[in-house]
Amino acid sequence: MVASRTDAWNRSPQTPIGAVYLRRTGGKVQALNVVCPHAGCFVDYNPDAKGYHCPCHDSTFALSGQISSPSSPAPRGLDELEVEVRNDSEVWVKFQNFQAGQAKKTPA
């Protein structure tokens, strides 16, 4: 599913809705919303830094989603979403957006 999307800096006419990063660690699957909690821009995975980077204001996040630098302007880490693994092969994510710019994880 795609739709128009506007964040703090960009207007995209055809942007996927509900994009997540999935990570498997020790048999657990973690889903992180790709939207930066600072201003709502999409974060990129940076393999050299082994973490995530927001190109809008230089927020940086560890693989776990936690803020990785004290100078990062993000008020909280990347938003983790509920995950359910079905039939040992399907990953279902309860997608939800949260308000940007707040330390508290508040549903949008």
Protein backbone atom coordinates (compact mmCIF):
# COMPACT_ATOMS: atom_id res chain seq x y z
CA MET A 1 0.00 0.00 0.00
CA VAL A 2 1.30 3.47 -0.88
CA ALA A 3 0.13 7.02 -0.27
CA SER A 4 1.41 10.59 -0.23
CA ARG A 5 3.63 11.38 2.74
CA THR A 6 4.97 14.63 4.14
CA ASP A 7 7.60 14.83 6.89
CA ALA A 8 9.61 17.72 8.29
CA TRP A 9 11.56 18.19 5.04
CA ASN A 10 10.13 16.05 2.25
CA ARG A 11 6.93 15.52 0.34
CA SER A 12 6.75 12.12 -1.36
CA PRO A 13 3.80 11.34 -3.64
CA GLN A 14 4.20 7.53 -3.48
CA THR A 15 5.61 6.36 -0.15
CA PRO A 16 5.01 2.92 1.39
CA ILE A 17 2.78 2.99 4.46
CA GLY A 18 3.90 0.94 7.41
CA ALA A 19 7.57 0.38 6.68
CA VAL A 20 9.54 -1.42 9.39
CA TYR A 21 13.00 -2.81 9.98
CA LEU A 22 12.96 -6.43 11.14
CA ARG A 23 15.76 -7.90 13.23
CA ARG A 24 16.19 -11.42 14.54
CA THR A 25 18.26 -11.95 17.67
CA GLY A 26 18.43 -15.20 19.56
CA GLY A 27 15.15 -16.53 18.22
CA LYS A 28 13.26 -13.28 18.87
CA VAL A 29 12.05 -11.01 16.07
CA GLN A 30 12.08 -7.27 16.66
CA ALA A 31 10.22 -4.73 14.49
CA LEU A 32 11.20 -1.07 14.51
CA ASN A 33 9.18 1.67 12.84
CA VAL A 34 11.37 3.40 10.22
CA VAL A 35 10.04 6.84 11.21
CA CYS A 36 12.40 8.95 13.31
CA PRO A 37 10.75 10.04 16.56
CA HIS A 38 12.38 13.47 16.29
CA ALA A 39 10.61 15.02 13.28
CA GLY A 40 9.11 12.11 11.37
CA CYS A 41 11.71 11.53 8.66
CA PHE A 42 12.55 8.02 7.47
CA VAL A 43 15.74 6.58 8.99
CA ASP A 44 18.31 4.71 6.93
CA TYR A 45 20.22 1.60 7.92
CA ASN A 46 23.95 2.35 7.99
CA PRO A 47 25.92 -0.93 7.71
CA ASP A 48 29.26 0.80 8.38
CA ALA A 49 28.00 2.16 11.71
CA LYS A 50 25.91 -0.97 12.39
CA GLY A 51 22.91 1.15 13.24
CA TYR A 52 20.33 3.58 11.91
CA HIS A 53 20.73 7.21 10.89
CA CYS A 54 18.18 9.95 10.29
CA PRO A 55 19.37 12.20 7.45
CA CYS A 56 17.16 15.13 8.52
CA HIS A 57 18.86 16.07 11.82
CA ASP A 58 21.56 13.41 12.37
CA SER A 59 19.76 11.32 14.98
CA THR A 60 21.55 7.99 15.36
CA PHE A 61 20.25 4.71 16.72
CA ALA A 62 21.79 1.38 17.65
CA LEU A 63 20.59 -1.87 16.05
CA SER A 64 18.31 -2.31 19.08
CA GLY A 65 16.63 1.01 18.25
CA GLN A 66 18.03 2.88 21.25
CA ILE A 67 19.58 6.31 20.79
CA SER A 68 23.29 5.72 20.20
CA SER A 69 24.67 9.23 20.76
CA PRO A 70 23.93 11.67 23.59
CA SER A 71 24.01 14.51 21.04
CA SER A 72 21.21 12.91 19.00
CA PRO A 73 18.20 15.27 18.79
CA ALA A 74 15.67 12.41 18.89
CA PRO A 75 13.67 12.47 22.14
CA ARG A 76 13.44 8.65 22.32
CA GLY A 77 14.67 5.57 20.50
CA LEU A 78 13.02 4.09 17.44
CA ASP A 79 9.52 2.86 18.17
CA GLU A 80 9.37 -0.90 18.66
CA LEU A 81 6.21 -2.58 17.41
CA GLU A 82 4.42 -5.73 18.51
CA VAL A 83 5.47 -8.83 16.57
CA GLU A 84 3.93 -12.26 16.23
CA VAL A 85 5.64 -15.15 14.43
CA ARG A 86 3.11 -17.57 12.93
CA ASN A 87 3.82 -21.03 11.55
CA ASP A 88 7.57 -20.49 12.13
CA SER A 89 7.68 -18.63 8.82
CA GLU A 90 5.34 -15.61 8.88
CA VAL A 91 6.11 -12.39 10.71
CA TRP A 92 3.05 -10.32 11.59
CA VAL A 93 3.61 -6.77 12.83
CA LYS A 94 0.99 -4.63 14.54
CA PHE A 95 1.87 -1.41 12.76
CA GLN A 96 1.29 1.89 14.50
CA ASN A 97 2.67 5.41 14.20
CA PHE A 98 3.55 7.50 17.23
CA GLN A 99 3.78 11.28 17.72
CA ALA A 100 7.12 12.75 16.79
CA GLY A 101 9.00 15.24 18.94
CA GLN A 102 7.95 13.81 22.31
CA ALA A 103 9.90 11.72 24.80
CA LYS A 104 6.76 9.72 25.60
CA LYS A 105 5.68 7.10 23.04
CA THR A 106 2.15 8.41 22.30
CA PRO A 107 0.03 6.82 19.53
CA ALA A 108 -0.65 9.20 16.64
